[in-house]
Protein backbone atom coordinates (compact mmCIF):
# COMPACT_ATOMS: atom_id res chain seq x y z
CA MET A 1 28.90 49.40 28.69
CA ALA A 2 28.05 46.60 30.47
CA GLU A 3 24.44 46.42 29.85
CA THR A 4 24.86 46.62 26.33
CA THR A 5 27.40 44.12 26.30
CA ASP A 6 25.16 41.82 27.39
CA LEU A 7 22.64 42.43 25.39
CA THR A 8 24.92 41.91 22.31
CA ALA A 9 25.98 38.46 23.77
CA LEU A 10 22.75 37.58 24.45
CA GLU A 11 21.09 38.03 20.75
CA ALA A 12 24.04 36.33 19.53
CA ALA A 13 23.07 33.27 21.38
CA LEU A 14 19.18 33.66 20.90
CA LEU A 15 19.76 34.36 17.28
CA ALA A 16 22.07 31.00 16.80
CA GLU A 17 19.49 29.11 18.77
CA ILE A 18 16.54 29.79 16.73
CA GLY A 19 18.91 28.97 13.56
CA ALA A 20 19.54 26.01 15.26
CA ALA A 21 16.03 24.87 15.70
CA GLY A 22 15.04 22.16 13.23
CA ASP A 23 11.06 21.90 13.91
CA LEU A 24 8.12 23.48 15.00
CA GLU A 25 8.39 22.06 18.09
CA ALA A 26 11.89 23.54 18.69
CA ILE A 27 11.02 26.69 17.77
CA GLU A 28 8.59 27.41 19.93
CA ARG A 29 10.50 26.13 22.80
CA VAL A 30 12.83 28.31 22.04
CA ARG A 31 10.12 30.96 21.92
CA ILE A 32 9.12 30.09 25.51
CA ALA A 33 12.68 30.61 26.26
CA ALA A 34 13.18 33.83 24.86
CA LEU A 35 10.22 35.90 25.04
CA GLY A 36 7.29 33.87 27.26
CA ARG A 37 6.29 35.32 30.96
CA LYS A 38 9.48 34.12 32.43
CA GLY A 39 11.83 34.21 29.35
CA ARG A 40 15.49 35.82 29.41
CA VAL A 41 14.20 39.38 27.73
CA PRO A 42 11.41 39.49 29.94
CA GLU A 43 13.63 39.02 32.99
CA LEU A 44 16.11 41.96 31.60
CA MET A 45 12.76 44.27 31.98
CA ALA A 46 12.31 43.31 35.72
CA GLN A 47 15.97 44.85 36.24
CA LEU A 48 14.34 48.05 35.59
CA GLY A 49 13.83 49.04 38.51
CA THR A 50 16.99 48.66 40.24
CA LEU A 51 19.02 50.77 37.51
CA PRO A 52 19.73 54.80 38.23
CA ALA A 53 17.02 57.03 36.83
CA ASP A 54 19.06 58.38 33.96
CA GLN A 55 19.78 54.84 32.73
CA ARG A 56 16.04 53.61 32.53
CA LYS A 57 15.29 55.10 29.20
CA ALA A 58 18.44 53.82 27.23
CA PHE A 59 17.88 49.73 28.42
CA GLY A 60 14.09 49.55 28.54
CA GLN A 61 14.66 50.98 24.27
CA ALA A 62 17.47 48.32 24.37
CA VAL A 63 15.27 45.72 25.46
CA ASN A 64 12.76 46.35 23.79
CA GLY A 65 15.00 46.08 20.43
CA LEU A 66 16.38 43.31 21.23
CA LYS A 67 12.54 41.78 22.01
CA ALA A 68 11.65 42.91 17.99
CA ARG A 69 14.81 41.79 16.62
CA VAL A 70 13.87 38.46 18.31
CA GLY A 71 10.76 37.47 17.52
CA GLU A 72 11.42 39.06 13.83
CA ALA A 73 14.15 35.82 13.65
CA LEU A 74 11.65 33.92 14.82
CA ASP A 75 8.61 33.96 12.48
CA ALA A 76 11.02 34.40 9.97
CA ARG A 77 12.21 30.76 10.87
CA ARG A 78 9.65 29.24 11.73
CA ALA A 79 7.58 30.49 8.21
CA ASP A 80 10.75 28.72 6.84
CA LEU A 81 10.01 25.64 9.02
CA GLU A 82 6.02 25.25 7.80
CA ARG A 83 7.88 25.91 4.43
CA ASN A 84 9.97 22.94 4.61
CA GLN A 85 7.59 20.78 6.58
CA LEU A 86 4.67 20.79 3.43
CA SER A 87 7.55 20.34 0.83
CA ALA A 88 8.24 17.22 2.57
CA ARG A 89 4.41 16.19 2.73
CA ILE A 90 4.07 16.77 -0.87
CA ALA A 91 6.94 15.05 -1.83
CA THR A 92 6.25 11.57 0.71
CA GLU A 93 2.22 11.84 0.66
CA ARG A 94 0.59 10.30 -1.95
CA ALA A 95 -2.75 10.81 -2.85
CA ASP A 96 -4.89 7.05 -4.60
CA VAL A 97 -7.32 9.61 -6.94
CA THR A 98 -9.21 5.94 -8.35
CA LEU A 99 -10.79 5.58 -4.79
CA PRO A 100 -14.41 6.23 -4.07
CA VAL A 101 -15.26 10.44 -2.66
CA ARG A 102 -15.80 9.41 1.52
CA LEU A 103 -20.08 11.39 1.88
CA GLY A 104 -19.45 13.93 3.72
CA PRO A 105 -22.48 15.68 6.04
CA LEU A 106 -24.25 16.85 3.52
CA GLN A 107 -24.76 13.05 1.70
CA ASP A 108 -25.17 11.32 4.87
CA GLY A 109 -28.08 13.33 6.31
CA ARG A 110 -31.71 12.97 5.45
CA ILE A 111 -34.89 14.79 4.84
CA HIS A 112 -37.82 13.44 6.78
CA PRO A 113 -40.49 12.22 4.21
CA VAL A 114 -42.72 14.26 5.51
CA SER A 115 -40.79 17.16 5.02
CA GLN A 116 -40.02 15.77 1.12
CA VAL A 117 -43.63 15.33 0.26
CA TRP A 118 -44.52 18.93 1.81
CA ASP A 119 -42.33 20.82 -0.54
CA GLU A 120 -43.70 17.89 -3.59
CA VAL A 121 -47.38 19.27 -2.59
CA ALA A 122 -46.00 22.69 -2.91
CA GLU A 123 -44.06 22.42 -5.59
CA ILE A 124 -47.36 21.03 -7.96
CA PHE A 125 -49.85 23.24 -6.50
CA GLY A 126 -47.51 25.98 -7.29
CA ASP A 127 -46.74 25.07 -10.76
CA MET A 128 -51.06 25.47 -10.63
CA GLY A 129 -50.61 29.00 -9.47
CA PHE A 130 -51.78 28.38 -5.86
CA ALA A 131 -49.52 30.74 -3.19
CA VAL A 132 -48.73 29.33 0.20
CA ALA A 133 -50.55 30.60 3.09
CA GLU A 134 -49.85 29.88 6.53
CA GLY A 135 -51.50 30.34 10.36
CA PRO A 136 -50.94 29.78 13.97
CA ASP A 137 -51.53 26.57 15.72
CA ILE A 138 -53.31 28.00 18.28
CA GLU A 139 -56.97 29.34 16.85
CA THR A 140 -60.00 30.38 18.70
CA ASP A 141 -62.71 28.73 18.56
CA ASP A 142 -64.64 31.04 16.20
CA LEU A 143 -62.13 30.10 13.70
CA ASN A 144 -61.34 26.98 14.12
CA PHE A 145 -65.26 25.73 14.08
CA THR A 146 -67.96 28.62 14.10
CA LYS A 147 -66.83 30.39 11.28
CA LEU A 148 -66.99 26.98 9.33
CA ASN A 149 -70.37 26.18 9.80
CA ILE A 150 -69.71 23.66 12.55
CA PRO A 151 -72.53 23.42 15.18
CA PRO A 152 -71.79 23.64 18.54
CA GLU A 153 -72.88 19.55 19.20
CA HIS A 154 -70.91 18.71 16.80
CA PRO A 155 -68.40 15.47 17.77
CA ALA A 156 -64.98 17.77 16.90
CA ARG A 157 -65.78 20.31 19.03
CA GLN A 158 -66.05 17.80 21.96
CA GLU A 159 -63.57 17.87 24.49
CA HIS A 160 -62.10 13.87 23.66
CA ASP A 161 -61.58 15.02 19.65
CA THR A 162 -59.33 18.45 20.24
CA PHE A 163 -56.93 19.92 22.24
CA TYR A 164 -58.51 22.97 24.33
CA MET A 165 -56.09 25.07 26.28
CA LYS A 166 -56.29 25.13 29.78
CA GLY A 167 -58.33 28.31 31.06
CA SER A 168 -59.51 30.14 27.81
CA GLY A 169 -63.05 31.33 28.03
CA LYS A 170 -63.29 31.09 31.66
CA GLU A 171 -61.95 35.07 32.16
CA GLY A 172 -65.06 36.50 31.09
CA ALA A 173 -67.67 36.22 28.87
CA THR A 174 -65.76 37.99 25.77
CA ALA A 175 -62.72 35.95 26.04
CA PRO A 176 -62.42 33.67 23.04
CA ILE A 177 -61.57 30.04 23.75
CA LYS A 178 -58.33 28.72 22.60
CA VAL A 179 -57.64 25.24 21.31
CA LEU A 180 -55.02 23.66 19.52
CA ARG A 181 -56.36 24.09 15.67
CA THR A 182 -57.67 20.65 13.90
CA HIS A 183 -57.35 21.72 10.68
CA THR A 184 -55.72 24.00 8.55
CA SER A 185 -59.04 25.39 7.55
CA PRO A 186 -58.64 28.34 9.85
CA VAL A 187 -55.80 30.03 7.35
CA GLN A 188 -58.85 29.56 4.70
CA ILE A 189 -61.11 31.39 6.92
CA ARG A 190 -58.30 34.08 7.66
CA THR A 191 -57.63 34.50 3.85
CA MET A 192 -61.14 35.44 3.15
CA MET A 193 -61.33 37.68 6.15
CA SER A 194 -58.19 39.93 4.73
CA GLN A 195 -58.35 38.96 0.97
CA LYS A 196 -60.06 39.94 -1.95
CA PRO A 197 -61.19 37.51 -4.80
CA PRO A 198 -59.93 35.75 -6.62
CA ILE A 199 -58.27 34.35 -4.22
CA ARG A 200 -56.00 30.41 -5.09
CA ILE A 201 -54.12 28.58 -1.73
CA ILE A 202 -52.78 26.03 -0.20
CA ALA A 203 -52.62 25.79 3.15
CA PRO A 204 -50.24 23.19 4.97
CA GLY A 205 -49.12 22.71 8.26
CA ARG A 206 -49.45 20.84 11.45
CA VAL A 207 -52.70 19.80 13.15
CA TYR A 208 -53.90 18.25 16.68
CA ARG A 209 -56.66 15.83 17.80
CA ILE A 210 -56.47 13.49 20.48
CA ASP A 211 -55.99 10.27 18.44
CA SER A 212 -53.17 7.96 18.72
CA ASP A 213 -52.72 4.31 16.78
CA ALA A 214 -50.47 2.99 13.40
CA THR A 215 -52.41 5.42 11.28
CA HIS A 216 -52.75 8.05 13.49
CA THR A 217 -50.90 10.27 15.70
CA PRO A 218 -51.83 13.49 18.14
CA MET A 219 -49.75 15.86 15.89
CA PHE A 220 -50.26 15.57 12.36
CA HIS A 221 -49.54 17.47 9.18
CA GLN A 222 -52.87 18.52 6.78
CA VAL A 223 -52.98 20.50 3.48
CA GLU A 224 -55.81 22.23 2.43
CA GLY A 225 -56.77 23.88 -0.60
CA LEU A 226 -59.14 26.56 -1.31
CA VAL A 227 -59.96 28.44 -4.63
CA ILE A 228 -62.98 31.81 -3.88
CA ASP A 229 -63.48 33.30 -7.68
CA GLU A 230 -66.74 34.30 -9.31
CA THR A 231 -66.48 31.00 -11.96
CA THR A 232 -65.09 28.38 -10.27
CA HIS A 233 -67.12 24.72 -10.19
CA LEU A 234 -66.92 21.38 -9.62
CA GLY A 235 -65.65 20.09 -13.10
CA HIS A 236 -62.35 22.66 -11.82
CA LEU A 237 -62.35 20.96 -8.66
CA LYS A 238 -62.37 17.46 -9.94
CA TRP A 239 -59.70 18.57 -12.90
CA CYS A 240 -57.55 20.04 -9.87
CA LEU A 241 -57.27 16.97 -7.88
CA GLU A 242 -56.60 14.86 -10.82
CA GLU A 243 -53.94 16.28 -12.31
CA PHE A 244 -52.36 16.57 -8.58
CA CYS A 245 -52.46 12.84 -8.48
CA LYS A 246 -50.90 12.45 -11.81
CA ALA A 247 -47.85 14.45 -11.05
CA PHE A 248 -47.84 13.32 -7.24
CA PHE A 249 -47.35 9.77 -7.51
CA GLU A 250 -46.07 10.57 -11.16
CA VAL A 251 -48.54 8.44 -13.33
CA ASP A 252 -49.81 9.41 -16.98
CA GLU A 253 -53.39 8.38 -15.82
CA VAL A 254 -55.73 7.56 -12.34
CA ARG A 255 -58.40 6.49 -11.92
CA MET A 256 -60.79 8.31 -9.48
CA ARG A 257 -63.43 7.77 -7.05
CA PHE A 258 -66.23 10.75 -6.12
CA ARG A 259 -68.32 9.62 -3.22
CA ALA A 260 -70.87 11.79 -2.02
CA SER A 261 -70.17 12.93 1.77
CA HIS A 262 -70.84 15.02 4.13
CA PHE A 263 -68.63 18.25 5.86
CA PRO A 264 -70.27 21.35 7.75
CA PHE A 265 -68.10 23.30 5.51
CA THR A 266 -68.82 22.33 2.13
CA GLU A 267 -71.70 21.44 0.07
CA PRO A 268 -71.87 19.68 -1.38
CA SER A 269 -69.13 17.70 -0.39
CA MET A 270 -67.48 14.47 -1.57
CA GLU A 271 -64.74 11.71 -0.46
CA VAL A 272 -62.03 10.96 -3.00
CA ASP A 273 -60.96 7.40 -3.32
CA LEU A 274 -58.10 6.76 -5.97
CA ASP A 275 -56.94 3.69 -7.59
CA ALA A 276 -53.71 2.15 -6.19
CA ALA A 277 -52.80 1.23 -9.41
CA ALA A 278 -51.16 4.61 -9.07
CA ILE A 279 -48.95 2.84 -6.42
CA GLY A 280 -48.00 -0.69 -7.65
CA LYS A 281 -51.10 -2.19 -6.29
CA PRO A 282 -54.10 -2.32 -9.24
CA GLY A 283 -57.47 -3.65 -7.61
CA GLN A 284 -57.60 -1.35 -4.61
CA TRP A 285 -59.47 1.33 -3.85
CA LEU A 286 -57.43 4.17 -1.50
CA GLU A 287 -59.09 7.28 0.52
CA ILE A 288 -56.89 10.43 0.21
CA LEU A 289 -58.83 13.42 0.93
CA GLY A 290 -62.31 15.29 1.47
CA SER A 291 -63.58 17.98 -0.78
CA GLY A 292 -65.98 20.14 -2.05
CA MET A 293 -67.38 23.42 -2.92
CA VAL A 294 -67.24 26.25 0.24
CA HIS A 295 -70.36 26.11 1.92
CA PRO A 296 -72.18 29.77 1.48
CA ASP A 297 -72.63 29.86 4.98
CA VAL A 298 -68.62 29.65 5.64
CA ILE A 299 -68.18 32.84 2.46
CA ARG A 300 -70.93 34.63 4.57
CA ASN A 301 -68.89 34.04 7.54
CA CYS A 302 -65.62 35.83 6.35
CA GLY A 303 -67.62 38.87 4.83
CA LEU A 304 -67.93 37.83 1.38
CA ASP A 305 -71.29 37.76 -0.80
CA PRO A 306 -72.69 33.97 -1.80
CA ASP A 307 -74.58 35.24 -4.80
CA ARG A 308 -71.87 36.79 -6.40
CA TYR A 309 -68.83 34.13 -5.37
CA GLN A 310 -68.21 30.39 -4.83
CA GLY A 311 -65.19 28.36 -5.03
CA PHE A 312 -63.86 24.23 -3.80
CA ALA A 313 -61.78 23.32 -0.85
CA PHE A 314 -60.07 20.22 -0.33
CA GLY A 315 -57.74 19.14 2.00
CA MET A 316 -55.71 15.79 2.66
CA GLY A 317 -52.92 13.75 5.40
CA LEU A 318 -49.50 15.10 4.03
CA ASP A 319 -48.20 11.58 6.64
CA ARG A 320 -51.43 9.76 4.86
CA ILE A 321 -50.38 10.28 1.18
CA ALA A 322 -46.24 9.85 2.13
CA MET A 323 -47.35 6.85 3.61
CA LEU A 324 -48.85 5.45 0.10
CA LYS A 325 -46.15 7.38 -2.14
CA TYR A 326 -42.99 5.89 -0.43
CA GLY A 327 -44.47 2.05 0.96
CA ILE A 328 -44.39 3.48 5.07
CA PRO A 329 -46.68 1.04 7.79
CA ASP A 330 -46.85 2.73 10.12
CA LEU A 331 -47.29 6.56 11.21
CA ARG A 332 -46.02 6.33 14.29
CA ASP A 333 -42.73 5.38 13.29
CA MET A 334 -42.33 9.01 11.18
CA PHE A 335 -42.13 10.46 14.70
CA SER A 336 -40.02 8.20 16.48
CA ALA A 337 -36.93 9.75 15.78
CA ASP A 338 -35.05 6.60 15.14
CA LEU A 339 -32.26 7.38 12.78
CA ARG A 340 -31.85 3.88 11.12
CA TRP A 341 -35.44 4.50 9.88
CA LEU A 342 -34.59 8.00 9.02
CA ARG A 343 -31.74 6.56 6.86
CA HIS A 344 -34.31 3.90 5.37
CA TYR A 345 -36.57 6.33 3.97
CA GLY A 346 -35.11 10.03 4.23
CA PHE A 347 -33.87 11.72 1.20
CA ALA A 348 -30.41 13.11 0.32
CA ALA A 349 -30.46 16.86 1.08
CA LEU A 350 -29.54 17.96 -2.27
CA ASP A 351 -32.71 15.67 -3.95
CA VAL A 352 -35.04 18.76 -3.65
CA PRO A 353 -38.38 17.75 -5.73
CA THR A 354 -39.25 19.42 -8.59
CA LEU A 355 -41.54 18.99 -11.63
CA ALA A 356 -38.78 19.17 -14.51
CA GLY A 357 -36.32 16.70 -12.64
CA GLY A 358 -38.70 14.44 -11.15
CA LEU A 359 -40.71 14.78 -7.93
CA SER A 360 -38.98 11.95 -5.79
CA GLY A 361 -35.05 12.41 -7.75
């Protein structure tokens, strides 16, 4: 009976302390003193070992009941104090709804101009019916050069221009030579080898060449296009590029100049110049891409019949057209990881380019 009386008195004292707690810090101190590892209720449980065996069960049940009731009282008092605290804050705090909205991470972050232009190009060609195709950055010499009709003595295949993978091609006569792709043209080859015409794709991605100055970096970005079917001709290529330039630079009319050139994988081949009036600099011609009709040998190398199928291809640097459109003076700054530069030239995360809403916002 002495133990029961002690528990009753202890419970009354603890409940009184709980009721007297005036804030959340005070109720936490009461909880630690009552139920903490060295609290008054756990100390009672430590007495079990000193009691006669016939009293332990009843005493243990009584202490557990006390612990449960004290815990419930603590929870109830804490909830009351939290409600009171919230009511006090509501009564005293005021919000000035005329203040401007604070910029959060979504508005403060910036999309890199190359990523933005990548999306713009995909949006434009997607509207023309082109699909986006991808391929690996590490390619075989065969797909990167040979099947594209690039001869062994071509300067592009020399080590001063191309990154060759260490040890590739030396394990045996049949081991493939591996390179970091110098263009995304291998994606066109892979597509022609795996897909039957008609084919209409663009292939954006990173490419690698040994070069570095204000307008060149060892790694840069390209997008290439390919159309293969039975009826496509040079007029379709010119129309496609003209419509792309009008949409990309967001102008109603563009003047373009097609100059005869030579690429091993196209015949005829053309360099394409754009009247800089499209970017507010009339009177200048800017070279923006290379293009041409796919060489019959390339079509044949991919297992297609060049007497039946023909088509066109083109390629341009995403970094270069980003520089032209958005007035970026130095290509190297794009890869400098300078947040000040990105805040100046970058785009808000919600500025998703669409033809309906405007590519550049």
